N, C-alpha and C. Protein backbone atom coordinates (compact mmCIF):
# COMPACT_ATOMS: atom_id res chain seq x y z
N MET A 1 8.81 34.74 -6.18
CA MET A 1 9.68 33.63 -6.52
C MET A 1 11.11 34.17 -6.66
N LEU A 2 12.01 33.65 -5.91
CA LEU A 2 13.41 34.05 -6.01
C LEU A 2 14.16 33.02 -6.80
N LEU A 3 15.04 33.51 -7.63
CA LEU A 3 15.88 32.60 -8.45
C LEU A 3 17.28 32.49 -7.87
N ASP A 4 17.85 31.34 -8.01
CA ASP A 4 19.18 31.12 -7.53
C ASP A 4 20.21 31.28 -8.68
N PHE A 5 20.91 32.40 -8.69
CA PHE A 5 21.87 32.72 -9.75
C PHE A 5 23.28 32.23 -9.45
N THR A 6 23.47 31.52 -8.34
CA THR A 6 24.80 31.05 -8.01
C THR A 6 25.28 29.95 -8.96
N CYS A 7 24.38 29.29 -9.63
CA CYS A 7 24.73 28.22 -10.57
C CYS A 7 24.92 28.68 -12.01
N VAL A 8 24.75 29.98 -12.25
CA VAL A 8 24.87 30.52 -13.59
C VAL A 8 26.38 30.70 -13.88
N PRO A 9 26.89 30.00 -14.91
CA PRO A 9 28.34 30.03 -15.17
C PRO A 9 28.83 31.33 -15.78
N ASN A 10 27.96 32.07 -16.52
CA ASN A 10 28.37 33.26 -17.22
C ASN A 10 27.47 34.43 -16.81
N ILE A 11 28.08 35.51 -16.30
CA ILE A 11 27.33 36.72 -16.02
C ILE A 11 28.00 37.87 -16.77
N PHE A 12 27.20 38.56 -17.62
CA PHE A 12 27.72 39.61 -18.45
C PHE A 12 27.07 40.92 -18.03
N LEU A 13 27.90 41.93 -17.83
CA LEU A 13 27.46 43.29 -17.50
C LEU A 13 27.67 44.13 -18.73
N VAL A 14 26.58 44.59 -19.33
CA VAL A 14 26.63 45.41 -20.51
C VAL A 14 26.65 46.88 -20.09
N CYS A 15 27.79 47.54 -20.23
CA CYS A 15 27.91 48.94 -19.81
C CYS A 15 27.69 49.87 -20.98
N GLY A 16 27.47 51.12 -20.72
CA GLY A 16 27.24 52.09 -21.73
C GLY A 16 25.79 52.42 -21.86
N LYS A 17 25.45 53.15 -22.89
CA LYS A 17 24.05 53.51 -23.11
C LYS A 17 23.27 52.35 -23.63
N THR A 18 22.24 51.98 -22.94
CA THR A 18 21.33 50.89 -23.35
C THR A 18 19.92 51.46 -23.37
N ASP A 19 19.28 51.31 -24.52
CA ASP A 19 17.88 51.82 -24.65
C ASP A 19 16.96 50.68 -24.23
N LEU A 20 16.45 50.78 -23.01
CA LEU A 20 15.55 49.72 -22.49
C LEU A 20 14.16 49.79 -23.14
N GLU A 21 13.90 50.85 -23.86
CA GLU A 21 12.60 50.99 -24.56
C GLU A 21 12.52 50.01 -25.76
N LYS A 22 13.66 49.41 -26.14
CA LYS A 22 13.64 48.43 -27.19
C LYS A 22 12.90 47.16 -26.79
N GLY A 23 12.76 46.88 -25.51
CA GLY A 23 12.08 45.71 -25.05
C GLY A 23 12.96 44.51 -25.12
N THR A 24 12.43 43.36 -24.76
CA THR A 24 13.20 42.14 -24.66
C THR A 24 13.76 41.70 -26.00
N ASP A 25 12.96 41.87 -27.08
CA ASP A 25 13.45 41.47 -28.38
C ASP A 25 14.61 42.31 -28.84
N GLY A 26 14.54 43.63 -28.58
CA GLY A 26 15.62 44.51 -28.96
C GLY A 26 16.92 44.25 -28.17
N LEU A 27 16.78 43.93 -26.89
CA LEU A 27 17.92 43.62 -26.08
C LEU A 27 18.53 42.31 -26.48
N ALA A 28 17.71 41.33 -26.85
CA ALA A 28 18.22 40.04 -27.30
C ALA A 28 18.98 40.21 -28.60
N THR A 29 18.47 41.06 -29.50
CA THR A 29 19.17 41.38 -30.77
C THR A 29 20.51 42.03 -30.46
N CYS A 30 20.54 42.90 -29.51
CA CYS A 30 21.79 43.61 -29.11
C CYS A 30 22.82 42.59 -28.66
N ILE A 31 22.39 41.63 -27.84
CA ILE A 31 23.31 40.59 -27.35
C ILE A 31 23.87 39.76 -28.48
N MET A 32 22.98 39.35 -29.41
CA MET A 32 23.40 38.46 -30.48
C MET A 32 24.27 39.17 -31.53
N GLU A 33 23.93 40.40 -31.88
CA GLU A 33 24.67 41.10 -32.94
C GLU A 33 25.90 41.78 -32.46
N THR A 34 25.82 42.48 -31.35
CA THR A 34 26.98 43.24 -30.89
C THR A 34 28.04 42.40 -30.26
N TYR A 35 27.62 41.40 -29.47
CA TYR A 35 28.58 40.61 -28.70
C TYR A 35 28.75 39.18 -29.23
N GLN A 36 28.03 38.84 -30.30
CA GLN A 36 28.11 37.47 -30.86
C GLN A 36 27.90 36.40 -29.81
N LEU A 37 26.93 36.60 -28.93
CA LEU A 37 26.62 35.65 -27.88
C LEU A 37 25.26 35.06 -28.11
N ASN A 38 25.08 33.83 -27.71
CA ASN A 38 23.77 33.19 -27.79
C ASN A 38 23.01 33.50 -26.50
N MET A 39 21.89 34.15 -26.63
CA MET A 39 21.13 34.54 -25.48
C MET A 39 20.44 33.33 -24.75
N PHE A 40 20.46 32.18 -25.41
CA PHE A 40 19.84 31.02 -24.81
C PHE A 40 20.88 30.15 -24.07
N ASP A 41 22.12 30.55 -24.07
CA ASP A 41 23.12 29.87 -23.26
C ASP A 41 22.79 30.14 -21.80
N ASN A 42 23.38 29.32 -20.95
CA ASN A 42 23.13 29.48 -19.53
C ASN A 42 23.92 30.69 -19.01
N ALA A 43 23.32 31.87 -19.17
CA ALA A 43 23.96 33.09 -18.81
C ALA A 43 22.99 34.13 -18.31
N LEU A 44 23.51 35.11 -17.57
CA LEU A 44 22.74 36.24 -17.05
C LEU A 44 23.29 37.47 -17.65
N PHE A 45 22.42 38.31 -18.23
CA PHE A 45 22.85 39.57 -18.85
C PHE A 45 22.25 40.72 -18.05
N LEU A 46 23.13 41.61 -17.58
CA LEU A 46 22.72 42.80 -16.82
C LEU A 46 23.04 44.02 -17.64
N PHE A 47 22.09 44.90 -17.78
CA PHE A 47 22.24 46.10 -18.56
C PHE A 47 22.27 47.31 -17.63
N ALA A 48 23.31 48.15 -17.82
CA ALA A 48 23.46 49.40 -17.10
C ALA A 48 22.85 50.52 -17.91
N VAL A 49 22.11 51.39 -17.27
CA VAL A 49 21.48 52.49 -17.99
C VAL A 49 21.78 53.79 -17.27
N LEU A 50 21.73 54.88 -18.04
CA LEU A 50 21.94 56.17 -17.45
C LEU A 50 20.59 56.68 -16.92
N ALA A 51 20.59 57.29 -15.77
CA ALA A 51 19.38 57.82 -15.22
C ALA A 51 18.96 59.09 -15.95
N ARG A 52 17.66 59.23 -16.21
CA ARG A 52 17.20 60.45 -16.83
C ARG A 52 16.94 61.51 -15.76
N LEU A 53 17.42 62.67 -16.06
CA LEU A 53 17.21 63.77 -15.15
C LEU A 53 16.05 64.62 -15.70
N SER A 54 15.11 64.88 -14.86
CA SER A 54 13.93 65.69 -15.34
C SER A 54 14.13 67.17 -15.02
């Protein structure tokens, strides 16, 4: 299923270190506390992460 993101009015790119191991609840908390944004608004949040080198 492909989603059409052309109708999304707000797209946020969260740069910096993001711990994706926090899961969806942790990322939602990050959005609400750090950026004072409502995650239920019509928006798309993209998180940038650093690649781990083994």
